[in-house]
Every structure is written in structure tokens, then in C-alpha cells.
Amino acid sequence: MATLIHDGFTIDHTPTSAVAAGGVVVVGSIVGVAPRAISANALGAIQIEGVFEFPKASATVVTAGAAVYWDADPGAIVVTQATGDVFCGHAVAAAGNGATTVQVKLGR
């Protein structure tokens, strides 16, 4: 038997460094967005469901419905289509060459 804890649109997280509102947070294989700033070592919530606009490299072409991944390597911090990065969600709209953002539905 399972007991409902909450709806699961957000999860609690305690980051080791401060996270700005809108900051992308990776917890294991979960990608979320901080709706509000979270101080270092303080409990806060990250949203793991919903549609968000993420940065992408302008040369990356993403089709609607494509799986996208988060590349958090220093200097990158963008959505990619590289399966070696952390699964982020699916693009809900196409983002062509020259576009610097893509709309992504978080989660599986």
C-alpha cells in the first residue's frame, strides 16, 4: 500500500550553494526549476512538472516532441539533444537554428 504525500509538482531540496529564482537544479536524474530563490543549505522547493523556457545553443535545432537533456557543465548550461546529459523532458514547440530558447515540458 502507498500513502499520498503530495501532488508531486514540486519536491523539497536543500542546495549546497544558493539557487536564484528560475535556476535549474539537478537532483540525481531529476531536473527541476526553482520558482523562488533558495539560500545555500536551506530547504526550498523545486518544480519538476510544467512547461518552462530553457536556454539552448542557437545552432541546435529541436523539433516539437523531441526529448531534450540538460547540460550543466560549466560554461554550457543549456538544453541539448545529447543522451549523455540529464534527461529534462520534451520540447513542446520547435526551436530552429538561431533560436536561443526552447519550451520544455519537464518530466517523463
C-alpha atoms as a PDB file:
ATOM      1  CA  MET A   1       0.000   0.000   0.000  1.00  0.00           C
ATOM      2  CA  ALA A   2       1.164   3.540  -0.765  1.00  0.00           C
ATOM      3  CA  THR A   3       0.308   6.778   1.019  1.00  0.00           C
ATOM      4  CA  LEU A   4      -0.067  10.041  -0.920  1.00  0.00           C
ATOM      5  CA  ILE A   5       2.387  12.661   0.324  1.00  0.00           C
ATOM      6  CA  HIS A   6       1.599  15.476  -2.153  1.00  0.00           C
ATOM      7  CA  ASP A   7       0.816  16.053  -5.842  1.00  0.00           C
ATOM      8  CA  GLY A   8       4.468  15.846  -6.914  1.00  0.00           C
ATOM      9  CA  PHE A   9       4.644  19.063  -8.936  1.00  0.00           C
ATOM     10  CA  THR A  10       7.410  20.217  -6.595  1.00  0.00           C
ATOM     11  CA  ILE A  11       9.949  18.446  -4.411  1.00  0.00           C
ATOM     12  CA  ASP A  12      11.928  19.686  -1.433  1.00  0.00           C
ATOM     13  CA  HIS A  13      15.630  20.289  -1.980  1.00  0.00           C
ATOM     14  CA  THR A  14      18.496  21.681   0.096  1.00  0.00           C
ATOM     15  CA  PRO A  15      21.176  23.032  -2.275  1.00  0.00           C
ATOM     16  CA  THR A  16      24.794  23.342  -1.169  1.00  0.00           C
ATOM     17  CA  SER A  17      25.055  26.700  -2.962  1.00  0.00           C
ATOM     18  CA  ALA A  18      22.446  29.414  -3.479  1.00  0.00           C
ATOM     19  CA  VAL A  19      19.974  28.988  -6.344  1.00  0.00           C
ATOM     20  CA  ALA A  20      18.379  32.031  -7.993  1.00  0.00           C
ATOM     21  CA  ALA A  21      14.693  32.118  -8.862  1.00  0.00           C
ATOM     22  CA  GLY A  22      14.421  30.390 -12.233  1.00  0.00           C
ATOM     23  CA  GLY A  23      17.624  28.459 -11.625  1.00  0.00           C
ATOM     24  CA  VAL A  24      17.811  24.932 -12.984  1.00  0.00           C
ATOM     25  CA  VAL A  25      18.562  22.292 -10.358  1.00  0.00           C
ATOM     26  CA  VAL A  26      19.598  18.687 -10.960  1.00  0.00           C
ATOM     27  CA  VAL A  27      18.892  16.187  -8.185  1.00  0.00           C
ATOM     28  CA  GLY A  28      20.237  12.822  -9.311  1.00  0.00           C
ATOM     29  CA  SER A  29      18.385  12.241 -12.581  1.00  0.00           C
ATOM     30  CA  ILE A  30      15.620  14.789 -11.857  1.00  0.00           C
ATOM     31  CA  VAL A  31      15.739  18.241 -13.456  1.00  0.00           C
ATOM     32  CA  GLY A  32      13.726  20.998 -11.775  1.00  0.00           C
ATOM     33  CA  VAL A  33      13.386  24.758 -11.667  1.00  0.00           C
ATOM     34  CA  ALA A  34      13.452  26.877  -8.505  1.00  0.00           C
ATOM     35  CA  PRO A  35      10.328  29.068  -8.576  1.00  0.00           C
ATOM     36  CA  ARG A  36      11.878  31.208  -5.820  1.00  0.00           C
ATOM     37  CA  ALA A  37      15.449  31.804  -4.711  1.00  0.00           C
ATOM     38  CA  ILE A  38      16.834  29.170  -2.327  1.00  0.00           C
ATOM     39  CA  SER A  39      19.699  30.037   0.011  1.00  0.00           C
ATOM     40  CA  ALA A  40      22.658  27.697   0.353  1.00  0.00           C
ATOM     41  CA  ASN A  41      21.976  24.880   2.819  1.00  0.00           C
ATOM     42  CA  ALA A  42      18.332  25.960   3.214  1.00  0.00           C
ATOM     43  CA  LEU A  43      15.312  23.824   2.381  1.00  0.00           C
ATOM     44  CA  GLY A  44      13.381  25.044  -0.646  1.00  0.00           C
ATOM     45  CA  ALA A  45      11.114  23.715  -3.369  1.00  0.00           C
ATOM     46  CA  ILE A  46      11.933  22.966  -6.979  1.00  0.00           C
ATOM     47  CA  GLN A  47       9.246  22.490  -9.584  1.00  0.00           C
ATOM     48  CA  ILE A  48       9.565  19.233 -11.536  1.00  0.00           C
ATOM     49  CA  GLU A  49       6.395  19.489 -13.641  1.00  0.00           C
ATOM     50  CA  GLY A  50       5.247  22.190 -16.022  1.00  0.00           C
ATOM     51  CA  VAL A  51       6.410  23.907 -19.211  1.00  0.00           C
ATOM     52  CA  PHE A  52       9.447  26.164 -18.943  1.00  0.00           C
ATOM     53  CA  GLU A  53      11.549  28.114 -21.417  1.00  0.00           C
ATOM     54  CA  PHE A  54      15.133  26.853 -21.300  1.00  0.00           C
ATOM     55  CA  PRO A  55      18.252  28.248 -22.977  1.00  0.00           C
ATOM     56  CA  LYS A  56      19.729  26.335 -25.900  1.00  0.00           C
ATOM     57  CA  ALA A  57      22.674  26.840 -28.232  1.00  0.00           C
ATOM     58  CA  SER A  58      21.486  28.887 -31.208  1.00  0.00           C
ATOM     59  CA  ALA A  59      22.777  26.303 -33.705  1.00  0.00           C
ATOM     60  CA  THR A  60      20.871  23.430 -32.042  1.00  0.00           C
ATOM     61  CA  VAL A  61      17.664  22.528 -33.896  1.00  0.00           C
ATOM     62  CA  VAL A  62      14.933  20.991 -31.736  1.00  0.00           C
ATOM     63  CA  THR A  63      11.685  19.600 -33.131  1.00  0.00           C
ATOM     64  CA  ALA A  64       8.397  19.624 -31.229  1.00  0.00           C
ATOM     65  CA  GLY A  65       8.072  16.449 -29.176  1.00  0.00           C
ATOM     66  CA  ALA A  66      11.806  15.719 -29.145  1.00  0.00           C
ATOM     67  CA  ALA A  67      13.432  14.517 -25.936  1.00  0.00           C
ATOM     68  CA  VAL A  68      15.825  17.118 -24.538  1.00  0.00           C
ATOM     69  CA  TYR A  69      18.593  16.922 -21.964  1.00  0.00           C
ATOM     70  CA  TRP A  70      20.231  19.374 -19.562  1.00  0.00           C
ATOM     71  CA  ASP A  71      23.964  20.026 -19.949  1.00  0.00           C
ATOM     72  CA  ALA A  72      25.086  21.556 -16.659  1.00  0.00           C
ATOM     73  CA  ASP A  73      28.803  21.527 -17.495  1.00  0.00           C
ATOM     74  CA  PRO A  74      30.399  24.830 -16.525  1.00  0.00           C
ATOM     75  CA  GLY A  75      30.077  27.245 -19.416  1.00  0.00           C
ATOM     76  CA  ALA A  76      27.338  25.226 -21.155  1.00  0.00           C
ATOM     77  CA  ILE A  77      24.154  25.290 -19.018  1.00  0.00           C
ATOM     78  CA  VAL A  78      21.819  24.638 -21.947  1.00  0.00           C
ATOM     79  CA  VAL A  79      19.287  22.154 -23.228  1.00  0.00           C
ATOM     80  CA  THR A  80      20.790  19.658 -25.670  1.00  0.00           C
ATOM     81  CA  GLN A  81      19.774  16.552 -27.543  1.00  0.00           C
ATOM     82  CA  ALA A  82      22.784  14.616 -26.241  1.00  0.00           C
ATOM     83  CA  THR A  83      21.588  11.494 -24.438  1.00  0.00           C
ATOM     84  CA  GLY A  84      24.709  11.585 -22.247  1.00  0.00           C
ATOM     85  CA  ASP A  85      23.320  14.644 -20.429  1.00  0.00           C
ATOM     86  CA  VAL A  86      20.492  14.512 -17.825  1.00  0.00           C
ATOM     87  CA  PHE A  87      17.021  13.887 -19.295  1.00  0.00           C
ATOM     88  CA  CYS A  88      14.995  17.063 -18.875  1.00  0.00           C
ATOM     89  CA  GLY A  89      11.709  16.496 -20.716  1.00  0.00           C
ATOM     90  CA  HIS A  90      10.212  17.057 -24.171  1.00  0.00           C
ATOM     91  CA  ALA A  91      10.119  20.125 -26.386  1.00  0.00           C
ATOM     92  CA  VAL A  92       6.555  21.392 -26.743  1.00  0.00           C
ATOM     93  CA  ALA A  93       7.401  23.628 -29.701  1.00  0.00           C
ATOM     94  CA  ALA A  94      10.046  23.571 -32.393  1.00  0.00           C
ATOM     95  CA  ALA A  95      13.104  25.776 -31.880  1.00  0.00           C
ATOM     96  CA  GLY A  96      15.158  26.224 -35.014  1.00  0.00           C
ATOM     97  CA  ASN A  97      18.611  27.419 -35.918  1.00  0.00           C
ATOM     98  CA  GLY A  98      19.127  30.900 -34.474  1.00  0.00           C
ATOM     99  CA  ALA A  99      16.660  30.451 -31.592  1.00  0.00           C
ATOM    100  CA  THR A 100      18.324  30.674 -28.191  1.00  0.00           C
ATOM    101  CA  THR A 101      15.479  29.143 -26.155  1.00  0.00           C
ATOM    102  CA  VAL A 102      13.143  26.156 -26.325  1.00  0.00           C
ATOM    103  CA  GLN A 103       9.924  25.435 -24.428  1.00  0.00           C
ATOM    104  CA  VAL A 104      10.212  22.184 -22.484  1.00  0.00           C
ATOM    105  CA  LYS A 105       7.649  20.092 -20.609  1.00  0.00           C
ATOM    106  CA  LEU A 106       9.576  18.842 -17.584  1.00  0.00           C
ATOM    107  CA  GLY A 107       9.398  15.241 -16.517  1.00  0.00           C
ATOM    108  CA  ARG A 108       8.858  11.898 -18.121  1.00  0.00           C
END
